[in-house]
Protein backbone atom coordinates (compact mmCIF):
# COMPACT_ATOMS: atom_id res chain seq x y z
CA MET A 1 102.51 105.80 68.52
CA LYS A 2 100.70 106.71 65.54
CA VAL A 3 101.99 105.76 61.98
CA ARG A 4 101.51 107.40 58.58
CA SER A 5 102.32 104.59 56.03
CA SER A 6 102.14 104.72 52.20
CA GLU A 7 100.43 101.35 52.37
CA ALA A 8 99.22 98.60 54.90
CA SER A 9 101.88 96.31 56.26
CA ASN A 10 103.01 94.31 59.15
CA TRP A 11 105.60 95.82 61.43
CA ARG A 12 108.66 94.22 62.94
CA GLY A 13 109.78 95.31 66.48
CA MET A 14 111.84 92.24 67.77
CA ALA A 15 112.09 88.77 66.58
CA PHE A 16 112.75 85.44 67.83
CA ASP A 17 114.04 82.19 66.39
CA THR A 18 114.10 79.37 69.22
CA TYR A 19 110.93 77.80 70.73
CA ASP A 20 111.05 75.56 73.61
CA GLY A 21 107.15 74.80 73.70
CA LYS A 22 106.76 77.79 76.32
CA LYS A 23 108.47 80.73 75.26
CA TRP A 24 110.54 82.23 72.35
CA THR A 25 114.01 83.28 72.80
CA MET A 26 117.01 84.48 70.35
CA SER A 27 119.95 82.03 69.78
CA ALA A 28 122.08 84.97 69.37
CA PRO A 29 120.73 88.25 71.22
CA LEU A 30 123.96 90.15 71.58
CA ASP A 31 125.14 89.64 68.04
CA VAL A 32 124.54 93.09 66.69
CA ARG A 33 126.12 95.51 64.59
CA LYS A 34 126.18 99.33 64.77
CA VAL A 35 125.39 101.16 61.73
CA TRP A 36 126.90 104.78 61.50
CA ALA A 37 125.85 107.82 59.38
CA SER A 38 126.94 111.47 59.84
CA GLN A 39 123.79 112.83 58.60
CA PRO A 40 120.53 111.10 57.69
CA PRO A 41 119.71 108.58 56.41
CA ILE A 42 121.34 105.53 58.25
CA TYR A 43 121.42 103.01 55.62
CA VAL A 44 120.52 99.77 57.38
CA LYS A 45 119.98 97.72 54.03
CA MET A 46 117.64 95.22 55.39
CA SER A 47 116.44 94.56 51.84
CA HIS A 48 119.49 92.86 50.96
CA GLN A 49 118.26 89.72 53.11
CA VAL A 50 116.47 88.93 49.74
CA HIS A 51 118.42 88.01 46.88
CA LYS A 52 118.19 90.59 44.13
CA ASP A 53 117.22 87.90 41.48
CA LEU A 54 114.43 86.45 43.62
CA THR A 55 111.89 89.06 43.16
CA GLN A 56 111.22 92.61 42.28
CA LYS A 57 110.74 95.20 45.32
CA HIS A 58 108.87 98.43 45.63
CA ASP A 59 109.37 101.24 48.12
CA LEU A 60 107.31 101.42 51.29
CA ILE A 61 107.40 104.80 53.32
CA GLN A 62 106.50 104.92 56.81
CA THR A 63 106.52 107.69 59.61
CA PHE A 64 106.39 107.03 63.29
CA TYR A 65 105.12 109.75 65.78
CA ILE A 66 105.91 108.39 69.47
CA GLU A 67 103.23 109.44 71.81
CA LYS A 68 104.43 107.65 74.97
CA GLU A 69 107.67 106.73 76.09
CA LEU A 70 109.00 103.51 74.66
CA SER A 71 111.83 100.97 74.75
CA ASN A 72 114.69 101.37 72.36
CA LEU A 73 113.02 99.34 69.63
CA VAL A 74 112.63 100.88 66.39
CA PHE A 75 109.61 99.60 64.55
CA SER A 76 109.27 99.38 60.85
CA THR A 77 108.24 97.30 57.91
CA PRO A 78 110.51 94.41 57.34
CA TYR A 79 113.21 94.90 54.59
CA ALA A 80 113.99 98.51 55.92
CA ASP A 81 116.57 100.07 53.87
CA GLU A 82 116.89 103.74 54.71
CA LEU A 83 116.28 105.09 58.46
CA TYR A 84 115.88 108.86 59.12
CA PHE A 85 116.23 108.87 62.86
CA PRO A 86 117.58 111.33 65.35
CA ALA A 87 120.95 109.52 66.26
CA ASN A 88 124.29 109.00 64.52
CA TYR A 89 123.87 105.02 64.72
CA VAL A 90 121.60 102.28 65.36
CA MET A 91 121.98 98.61 66.25
CA VAL A 92 120.97 95.97 63.92
CA ASP A 93 120.59 92.40 64.93
CA ASN A 94 120.44 89.13 62.96
CA TYR A 95 116.92 89.10 63.10
CA GLY A 96 116.10 92.03 60.96
CA SER A 97 115.49 94.21 64.17
CA ILE A 98 116.70 97.80 64.68
CA ARG A 99 117.53 99.16 68.17
CA SER A 100 118.20 102.81 69.16
CA PRO A 101 121.07 103.75 71.60
CA VAL A 102 118.51 105.34 73.68
CA GLU A 103 114.77 104.79 74.69
CA LEU A 104 112.17 106.46 72.26
CA GLU A 105 110.83 109.76 74.16
CA ARG A 106 107.44 111.18 73.75
CA GLY A 107 107.51 113.74 70.71
CA LEU A 108 110.13 111.78 68.76
CA THR A 109 109.67 111.22 65.02
CA TYR A 110 111.24 108.98 62.80
CA SER A 111 110.84 107.71 58.93
CA VAL A 112 111.61 104.48 57.29
CA ILE A 113 111.89 103.54 53.61
CA SER A 114 111.64 100.06 53.31
CA ARG A 115 112.17 97.83 49.98
CA VAL A 116 109.40 95.45 50.28
CA PRO A 117 109.59 92.10 48.00
CA ASP A 118 106.80 91.59 45.58
CA PHE A 119 106.74 87.76 45.86
CA ASN A 120 105.11 85.85 42.96
CA LEU A 121 102.64 83.25 44.14
CA LYS A 122 103.39 80.84 41.27
CA LYS A 123 106.94 80.82 42.09
CA LEU A 124 106.64 80.42 45.79
CA ILE A 125 104.63 77.26 45.22
CA ASP A 126 107.78 75.87 43.22
CA PRO A 127 110.14 74.37 45.98
CA GLY A 128 113.04 74.49 43.47
CA TYR A 129 112.95 78.18 42.78
CA ILE A 130 113.26 79.37 46.42
CA SER A 131 116.30 76.78 47.05
CA GLN A 132 118.05 78.36 44.35
CA PHE A 133 118.89 81.46 46.13
CA SER A 134 119.08 80.77 50.20
CA LEU A 135 119.45 78.09 52.79
CA VAL A 136 117.32 78.17 55.93
CA SER A 137 119.60 78.23 59.02
CA GLU A 138 119.01 75.13 61.67
CA ASN A 139 117.87 77.71 64.25
CA TYR A 140 114.64 78.54 62.17
CA LEU A 141 114.01 74.62 61.57
CA GLN A 142 114.04 73.61 65.40
CA VAL A 143 110.88 72.19 66.79
CA PRO A 144 110.38 71.10 70.41
CA VAL A 145 108.43 68.14 71.47
CA LEU A 146 104.73 68.74 70.34
CA SER A 147 101.75 66.83 72.00
CA GLY A 148 100.25 64.14 69.87
CA ARG A 149 97.02 65.77 69.35
CA VAL A 150 98.81 68.82 67.91
CA ILE A 151 100.64 66.58 65.50
CA LYS A 152 97.49 64.82 64.68
CA LEU A 153 95.70 68.07 63.96
CA ILE A 154 98.55 69.21 61.65
CA ASN A 155 98.10 66.10 59.78
CA GLU A 156 94.40 66.51 59.67
CA ILE A 157 94.39 70.14 58.36
CA THR A 158 97.20 69.45 55.68
CA GLU A 159 95.82 66.07 54.48
CA ASN A 160 95.70 66.10 50.52
CA SER A 161 97.75 69.11 50.24
CA THR A 162 100.00 69.32 46.89
CA SER A 163 102.93 71.31 48.41
CA ASN A 164 104.36 72.87 51.66
CA PHE A 165 103.00 76.05 50.37
CA ASP A 166 99.52 74.78 50.24
CA LYS A 167 100.07 73.24 53.70
CA ILE A 168 100.99 76.54 55.13
CA VAL A 169 98.02 78.26 53.69
CA LYS A 170 95.63 75.45 54.93
CA ILE A 171 97.14 76.13 58.45
CA LYS A 172 96.66 79.75 58.26
CA SER A 173 93.09 79.50 57.17
CA TYR A 174 92.34 77.04 59.81
CA LEU A 175 93.55 79.15 62.54
CA GLN A 176 91.91 82.27 61.38
CA LYS A 177 88.63 80.31 60.92
CA ASN A 178 88.45 78.70 64.13
CA TYR A 179 90.19 80.66 67.01
CA PRO A 180 88.90 84.29 67.89
CA TYR A 181 91.25 86.79 68.58
CA ASN A 182 90.93 88.10 72.08
CA LEU A 183 93.35 90.37 74.15
CA ASN A 184 91.40 89.63 77.53
CA ILE A 185 92.19 86.16 78.12
CA SER A 186 93.63 84.76 81.30
CA GLU A 187 97.24 83.60 81.50
CA PHE A 188 98.02 80.20 80.49
CA PRO A 189 98.89 77.70 83.28
CA GLU A 190 102.59 77.84 83.94
CA ASN A 191 103.54 74.31 82.77
CA ALA A 192 101.36 74.48 79.87
CA GLU A 193 102.67 73.84 76.26
CA THR A 194 101.79 77.04 74.61
CA ILE A 195 100.42 75.70 71.52
CA ASP A 196 98.59 72.73 72.67
CA TYR A 197 96.88 74.90 75.20
CA PHE A 198 95.86 77.41 72.65
CA LEU A 199 94.60 75.01 70.30
CA PHE A 200 92.62 72.75 72.55
CA GLU A 201 91.99 74.56 75.94
CA GLN A 202 91.97 78.35 75.53
CA LYS A 203 90.71 78.25 71.83
CA GLN A 204 91.22 82.05 71.58
CA GLY A 205 93.85 84.23 72.07
CA TYR A 206 96.20 87.29 70.37
CA CYS A 207 99.00 87.70 68.11
CA GLU A 208 101.63 85.62 70.04
CA HIS A 209 99.60 82.62 70.11
CA PHE A 210 98.54 82.60 66.41
CA ALA A 211 102.10 83.51 65.14
CA THR A 212 103.58 80.86 67.54
CA SER A 213 100.97 78.27 66.57
CA LEU A 214 101.48 78.88 62.55
CA ALA A 215 105.21 79.04 62.87
CA VAL A 216 106.00 75.90 64.72
CA MET A 217 103.15 74.02 62.79
CA ALA A 218 104.84 74.90 59.65
CA ARG A 219 108.26 73.98 60.78
CA THR A 220 107.02 70.31 61.34
CA LEU A 221 106.12 70.08 57.50
CA SER A 222 108.38 67.96 55.22
C-alpha cells in the first residue's frame, strides 16, 4: 500500500493483549461490534478511548492506496474517528482495530481522520494524573514467567529511576541503542522464550521483537 498522511505517525492494524512467553493472542478475539453508515463517513469514534479532560487532540488525516490484495485489516493511525471506506459498515474490536467485511482489493482507496491526543510530558510523569481518568484492565498487566537474566537486565536498566515513566524511557532507549533492526534474521528456536532469546542470543530483530520486549518489560514495573 501507499499512504498519504498529514504528519508522520505509527499505524495500527491488529493489536493483541496477552503474551505467553512465545506468542501474543487476543483475550476476546471475537468480541467485535459493527458500525454502520448509510453514507460516508463511518463514525468509529476511537478517540473516545482517551478521556476528553485528559488532553487536547488534533486531527490527523490519512489516505491509503491499496496496491496489492490484502486481508480485511483496515490500517490507520490510532484513535481513528471518521472512516471514508467503500462499504456500509466495518467491524471494530476491543483493541482499537478496524476490520472490513471483505478483503482489501488492489485499487481500493480509503481515508481516515484520527483525533490524536497531544499528551503533556510533565503530566504523564505524574502517576496521580493518569489514574484520575482510567483503570488498566488486568489483561494489559499480565506477565508470563520471565527468565532470571531478563529480570536482572530490567533492574539494571531502570536502576536509580525516579518514576515508572522514567523506567520505560530508559528501557526504550536501551533497546534502540543495543539491538540492530534486521528483517533477515533466522527463526527463533521453537521452544525459545521470545524476549530472552532476542535480548541475549539473537541480539537483533524486527518490530515484533522490539515491541514485545518493551511491552512486557514495562509490565514488570511497579
